[in-house]
Amino acid sequence: MLTRDQLDGRTNAAKVFDRLVIDIEGDLGGRDHLSTIERALIEAFAGACVTLQHLNTKLGLGEEIDLSQHAQAVGAMVRVASRLGLQRRPRTIETPTLSQYLEQEAA
């Protein structure tokens, strides 16, 4: 089975896809705070988004597009976004107290 890691990441589509995944993971609190299912849904959203961007670009150029494919991409994005959520999740940042910091520096 072909996996994402085996693909050439230098194409414009791959760059957009990767940037979307990174940005969405950040919005949701970071990759290390996501479940496996959430990470898969993020990739599904990014794929639908890249597809939609391609179709919208063709539309902007005056080319014909398959409206059912456009609607399916939009519908997929809405369904996935409803599962992941539309709001950013704050990250929990643990900062050491002054005494903890001084102990770490002394060690």
C-alpha atoms as a PDB file:
ATOM      1  CA  MET A   1       0.000   0.000   0.000  1.00  0.00           C
ATOM      2  CA  LEU A   2       1.304   3.427  -0.951  1.00  0.00           C
ATOM      3  CA  THR A   3       1.632   5.778   2.014  1.00  0.00           C
ATOM      4  CA  ARG A   4       1.957   9.546   2.282  1.00  0.00           C
ATOM      5  CA  ASP A   5       5.564   9.194   3.454  1.00  0.00           C
ATOM      6  CA  GLN A   6       6.515   7.545   0.155  1.00  0.00           C
ATOM      7  CA  LEU A   7       5.372  10.496  -1.959  1.00  0.00           C
ATOM      8  CA  ASP A   8       7.513  13.349  -3.247  1.00  0.00           C
ATOM      9  CA  GLY A   9       6.764  16.226  -0.886  1.00  0.00           C
ATOM     10  CA  ARG A  10       8.073  18.888  -3.261  1.00  0.00           C
ATOM     11  CA  THR A  11       4.902  19.357  -5.318  1.00  0.00           C
ATOM     12  CA  ASN A  12       2.742  22.413  -4.645  1.00  0.00           C
ATOM     13  CA  ALA A  13      -0.152  20.175  -3.648  1.00  0.00           C
ATOM     14  CA  ALA A  14       2.033  18.297  -1.143  1.00  0.00           C
ATOM     15  CA  LYS A  15       3.331  21.559   0.322  1.00  0.00           C
ATOM     16  CA  VAL A  16      -0.201  22.932   0.755  1.00  0.00           C
ATOM     17  CA  PHE A  17      -1.355  19.621   2.239  1.00  0.00           C
ATOM     18  CA  ASP A  18       1.556  19.476   4.704  1.00  0.00           C
ATOM     19  CA  ARG A  19       1.112  23.121   5.745  1.00  0.00           C
ATOM     20  CA  LEU A  20      -2.609  22.565   6.367  1.00  0.00           C
ATOM     21  CA  VAL A  21      -1.927  19.492   8.493  1.00  0.00           C
ATOM     22  CA  ILE A  22       0.677  21.335  10.571  1.00  0.00           C
ATOM     23  CA  ASP A  23      -1.549  24.396  11.031  1.00  0.00           C
ATOM     24  CA  ILE A  24      -4.622  22.384  12.001  1.00  0.00           C
ATOM     25  CA  GLU A  25      -2.620  20.236  14.426  1.00  0.00           C
ATOM     26  CA  GLY A  26      -1.368  23.454  16.008  1.00  0.00           C
ATOM     27  CA  ASP A  27      -4.906  24.829  16.230  1.00  0.00           C
ATOM     28  CA  LEU A  28      -5.966  21.666  18.039  1.00  0.00           C
ATOM     29  CA  GLY A  29      -3.268  21.852  20.690  1.00  0.00           C
ATOM     30  CA  GLY A  30      -0.357  20.164  18.920  1.00  0.00           C
ATOM     31  CA  ARG A  31       0.240  16.754  17.359  1.00  0.00           C
ATOM     32  CA  ASP A  32       1.215  15.167  20.680  1.00  0.00           C
ATOM     33  CA  HIS A  33      -2.228  16.028  22.113  1.00  0.00           C
ATOM     34  CA  LEU A  34      -4.208  14.430  19.278  1.00  0.00           C
ATOM     35  CA  SER A  35      -5.620  10.940  19.046  1.00  0.00           C
ATOM     36  CA  THR A  36      -4.845   8.700  16.091  1.00  0.00           C
ATOM     37  CA  ILE A  37      -8.382   9.241  14.814  1.00  0.00           C
ATOM     38  CA  GLU A  38      -8.024  13.015  15.049  1.00  0.00           C
ATOM     39  CA  ARG A  39      -4.763  12.876  13.085  1.00  0.00           C
ATOM     40  CA  ALA A  40      -6.460  10.784  10.376  1.00  0.00           C
ATOM     41  CA  LEU A  41      -9.380  13.225  10.234  1.00  0.00           C
ATOM     42  CA  ILE A  42      -6.970  16.138   9.885  1.00  0.00           C
ATOM     43  CA  GLU A  43      -5.367  14.460   6.872  1.00  0.00           C
ATOM     44  CA  ALA A  44      -8.826  13.784   5.415  1.00  0.00           C
ATOM     45  CA  PHE A  45      -9.730  17.453   5.843  1.00  0.00           C
ATOM     46  CA  ALA A  46      -6.461  18.577   4.259  1.00  0.00           C
ATOM     47  CA  GLY A  47      -7.019  16.281   1.277  1.00  0.00           C
ATOM     48  CA  ALA A  48     -10.534  17.603   0.735  1.00  0.00           C
ATOM     49  CA  CYS A  49      -9.256  21.164   1.117  1.00  0.00           C
ATOM     50  CA  VAL A  50      -6.499  20.694  -1.487  1.00  0.00           C
ATOM     51  CA  THR A  51      -9.061  19.167  -3.850  1.00  0.00           C
ATOM     52  CA  LEU A  52     -11.415  22.100  -3.293  1.00  0.00           C
ATOM     53  CA  GLN A  53      -8.625  24.641  -3.836  1.00  0.00           C
ATOM     54  CA  HIS A  54      -7.780  22.941  -7.136  1.00  0.00           C
ATOM     55  CA  LEU A  55     -11.397  23.016  -8.260  1.00  0.00           C
ATOM     56  CA  ASN A  56     -11.826  26.659  -7.201  1.00  0.00           C
ATOM     57  CA  THR A  57      -8.690  27.628  -9.127  1.00  0.00           C
ATOM     58  CA  LYS A  58     -10.023  25.916 -12.253  1.00  0.00           C
ATOM     59  CA  LEU A  59     -13.337  27.712 -11.751  1.00  0.00           C
ATOM     60  CA  GLY A  60     -11.534  31.048 -11.390  1.00  0.00           C
ATOM     61  CA  LEU A  61      -9.737  30.401 -14.665  1.00  0.00           C
ATOM     62  CA  GLY A  62     -13.079  29.934 -16.390  1.00  0.00           C
ATOM     63  CA  GLU A  63     -12.651  26.196 -16.810  1.00  0.00           C
ATOM     64  CA  GLU A  64     -15.496  23.770 -16.319  1.00  0.00           C
ATOM     65  CA  ILE A  65     -15.502  21.737 -13.138  1.00  0.00           C
ATOM     66  CA  ASP A  66     -17.500  18.796 -11.896  1.00  0.00           C
ATOM     67  CA  LEU A  67     -19.993  20.443  -9.528  1.00  0.00           C
ATOM     68  CA  SER A  68     -20.734  17.160  -7.780  1.00  0.00           C
ATOM     69  CA  GLN A  69     -17.013  16.752  -7.019  1.00  0.00           C
ATOM     70  CA  HIS A  70     -16.971  20.336  -5.683  1.00  0.00           C
ATOM     71  CA  ALA A  71     -20.024  19.677  -3.508  1.00  0.00           C
ATOM     72  CA  GLN A  72     -18.544  16.400  -2.232  1.00  0.00           C
ATOM     73  CA  ALA A  73     -15.302  18.142  -1.224  1.00  0.00           C
ATOM     74  CA  VAL A  74     -17.205  20.893   0.595  1.00  0.00           C
ATOM     75  CA  GLY A  75     -19.463  18.340   2.301  1.00  0.00           C
ATOM     76  CA  ALA A  76     -16.496  16.252   3.394  1.00  0.00           C
ATOM     77  CA  MET A  77     -14.780  19.308   4.841  1.00  0.00           C
ATOM     78  CA  VAL A  78     -17.903  20.331   6.767  1.00  0.00           C
ATOM     79  CA  ARG A  79     -18.408  16.826   8.195  1.00  0.00           C
ATOM     80  CA  VAL A  80     -14.777  16.453   9.249  1.00  0.00           C
ATOM     81  CA  ALA A  81     -14.639  19.984  10.671  1.00  0.00           C
ATOM     82  CA  SER A  82     -17.757  19.280  12.740  1.00  0.00           C
ATOM     83  CA  ARG A  83     -15.952  16.323  14.337  1.00  0.00           C
ATOM     84  CA  LEU A  84     -12.660  18.122  14.919  1.00  0.00           C
ATOM     85  CA  GLY A  85     -14.232  21.394  16.007  1.00  0.00           C
ATOM     86  CA  LEU A  86     -13.935  24.890  14.661  1.00  0.00           C
ATOM     87  CA  GLN A  87     -12.297  26.520  17.656  1.00  0.00           C
ATOM     88  CA  ARG A  88      -8.648  26.551  18.581  1.00  0.00           C
ATOM     89  CA  ARG A  89      -7.716  24.483  21.618  1.00  0.00           C
ATOM     90  CA  PRO A  90      -5.401  26.206  24.051  1.00  0.00           C
ATOM     91  CA  ARG A  91      -2.173  24.428  24.813  1.00  0.00           C
ATOM     92  CA  THR A  92      -1.291  23.643  28.373  1.00  0.00           C
ATOM     93  CA  ILE A  93       2.148  25.050  29.026  1.00  0.00           C
ATOM     94  CA  GLU A  94       3.756  24.012  32.245  1.00  0.00           C
ATOM     95  CA  THR A  95       6.166  26.603  33.504  1.00  0.00           C
ATOM     96  CA  PRO A  96       8.360  25.756  36.448  1.00  0.00           C
ATOM     97  CA  THR A  97       8.280  27.818  39.584  1.00  0.00           C
ATOM     98  CA  LEU A  98      11.355  29.879  40.348  1.00  0.00           C
ATOM     99  CA  SER A  99      12.601  27.304  42.846  1.00  0.00           C
ATOM    100  CA  GLN A 100      12.081  24.454  40.351  1.00  0.00           C
ATOM    101  CA  TYR A 101      13.951  26.418  37.698  1.00  0.00           C
ATOM    102  CA  LEU A 102      16.848  27.129  40.037  1.00  0.00           C
ATOM    103  CA  GLU A 103      17.006  23.449  41.027  1.00  0.00           C
ATOM    104  CA  GLN A 104      17.130  22.418  37.366  1.00  0.00           C
ATOM    105  CA  GLU A 105      19.879  24.918  36.644  1.00  0.00           C
ATOM    106  CA  ALA A 106      21.902  23.739  39.628  1.00  0.00           C
ATOM    107  CA  ALA A 107      21.626  20.101  38.486  1.00  0.00           C
END
